């Protein structure tokens, strides 16, 4: 199975790390799309994961464009990788999956 993980915060790196290790040991493939927020990218590096990243938009007035950026990056990455499922904590995972007509598994952490 091929999975795309959409990671937006450092806590989400910890949430997925051990699951990803377990899935890889069973022969599954994955890609990570990560938001450059806090120590998210540093943690992904420490776990030894490869990832594609994007910069968050800092202004609350144009926050909708950040979602479009994330979906666009996820769509582009997914077109090449062709994941079986898209997994994440935000609407970006759901929207990307919907555009690609792929199933998604979306959690909330608030």
Protein backbone atom coordinates (compact mmCIF):
# COMPACT_ATOMS: atom_id res chain seq x y z
CA UNK A 1 0.00 0.00 0.00
CA UNK A 2 1.20 3.55 -0.74
CA UNK A 3 0.34 6.28 1.75
CA UNK A 4 0.69 10.05 1.77
CA UNK A 5 0.91 11.59 5.25
CA UNK A 6 0.06 15.29 5.58
CA UNK A 7 1.93 16.59 8.63
CA UNK A 8 1.23 20.10 9.93
CA UNK A 9 2.70 20.22 13.46
CA UNK A 10 5.55 18.70 15.49
CA UNK A 11 3.04 16.65 17.51
CA UNK A 12 1.80 15.03 14.32
CA UNK A 13 5.35 13.88 13.51
CA UNK A 14 5.38 11.98 16.80
CA UNK A 15 1.88 10.64 16.11
CA UNK A 16 2.88 9.04 12.81
CA UNK A 17 6.56 8.12 13.28
CA UNK A 18 6.20 4.68 14.83
CA UNK A 19 3.27 3.76 12.59
CA UNK A 20 5.35 4.67 9.54
CA UNK A 21 8.29 2.57 10.77
CA UNK A 22 5.94 -0.36 11.30
CA UNK A 23 4.30 0.01 7.88
CA UNK A 24 7.66 0.27 6.10
CA UNK A 25 8.86 -2.89 7.85
CA UNK A 26 5.84 -4.65 6.33
CA UNK A 27 6.66 -3.45 2.81
CA UNK A 28 4.40 -0.41 2.50
CA UNK A 29 5.53 2.85 0.88
CA UNK A 30 4.94 6.38 2.09
CA UNK A 31 5.54 10.03 1.32
CA UNK A 32 5.24 12.95 3.72
CA UNK A 33 4.04 16.45 2.94
CA UNK A 34 5.08 18.67 5.85
CA UNK A 35 4.35 22.23 6.85
CA UNK A 36 7.47 24.16 7.91
CA UNK A 37 6.08 25.02 11.34
CA UNK A 38 7.93 25.00 14.66
CA UNK A 39 10.25 22.00 14.85
CA UNK A 40 8.24 19.85 12.40
CA UNK A 41 10.98 19.56 9.78
CA UNK A 42 13.71 19.10 12.40
CA UNK A 43 11.79 16.18 13.92
CA UNK A 44 11.24 14.58 10.53
CA UNK A 45 15.00 14.83 9.93
CA UNK A 46 15.72 13.26 13.33
CA UNK A 47 13.43 10.35 12.52
CA UNK A 48 15.23 9.98 9.20
CA UNK A 49 12.17 10.61 7.03
CA UNK A 50 12.26 12.14 3.58
CA UNK A 51 9.56 14.74 2.98
CA UNK A 52 8.35 17.56 0.79
CA UNK A 53 7.70 20.78 2.65
CA UNK A 54 5.93 24.08 2.23
CA UNK A 55 6.07 27.41 4.03
CA UNK A 56 3.02 28.47 6.04
CA UNK A 57 1.37 31.77 5.24
CA UNK A 58 1.70 33.92 8.34
CA UNK A 59 -1.17 36.35 7.80
CA UNK A 60 -4.53 35.36 9.24
CA UNK A 61 -6.21 37.40 6.50
CA UNK A 62 -4.95 35.19 3.69
CA UNK A 63 -4.98 31.88 5.54
CA UNK A 64 -7.27 30.34 2.90
CA UNK A 65 -4.37 30.58 0.46
CA UNK A 66 -2.27 28.38 2.72
CA UNK A 67 -4.87 25.64 2.41
CA UNK A 68 -4.79 26.04 -1.37
CA UNK A 69 -0.99 25.84 -1.29
CA UNK A 70 -1.08 22.65 0.79
CA UNK A 71 -3.70 21.03 -1.42
CA UNK A 72 -1.76 22.05 -4.53
CA UNK A 73 1.48 20.58 -3.20
CA UNK A 74 -0.32 17.44 -2.05
CA UNK A 75 -1.97 17.07 -5.44
CA UNK A 76 1.33 17.48 -7.30
CA UNK A 77 3.12 15.00 -5.02
CA UNK A 78 0.27 12.52 -5.25
CA UNK A 79 0.09 12.62 -9.03
CA UNK A 80 3.67 11.31 -9.16
CA UNK A 81 3.43 8.93 -6.19
CA UNK A 82 -0.15 7.68 -6.72
CA UNK A 83 -0.96 6.86 -3.08
CA UNK A 84 -3.58 4.31 -2.13
CA UNK A 85 -4.74 6.52 0.76
CA UNK A 86 -4.06 10.02 2.09
CA UNK A 87 -3.76 10.43 5.87
CA UNK A 88 -3.60 13.58 7.97
CA UNK A 89 -5.05 15.91 10.57
CA UNK A 90 -6.41 18.68 8.40
CA UNK A 91 -8.72 19.57 5.59
CA UNK A 92 -5.74 19.59 3.24
CA UNK A 93 -5.62 15.78 3.37
CA UNK A 94 -9.36 15.50 2.70
CA UNK A 95 -9.37 18.02 -0.15
CA UNK A 96 -6.30 16.48 -1.80
CA UNK A 97 -7.86 13.02 -1.60
CA UNK A 98 -11.14 14.30 -3.02
CA UNK A 99 -9.35 15.90 -6.00
CA UNK A 100 -7.56 12.62 -6.70
CA UNK A 101 -10.60 10.48 -5.96
CA UNK A 102 -8.65 8.59 -3.31
CA UNK A 103 -9.80 7.58 0.15
CA UNK A 104 -8.62 9.66 3.08
CA UNK A 105 -8.26 9.09 6.78
CA UNK A 106 -8.51 12.46 8.56
CA UNK A 107 -8.17 13.04 12.29
CA UNK A 108 -8.70 16.08 14.48
CA UNK A 109 -6.44 17.03 17.36
CA UNK A 110 -8.18 20.04 18.88
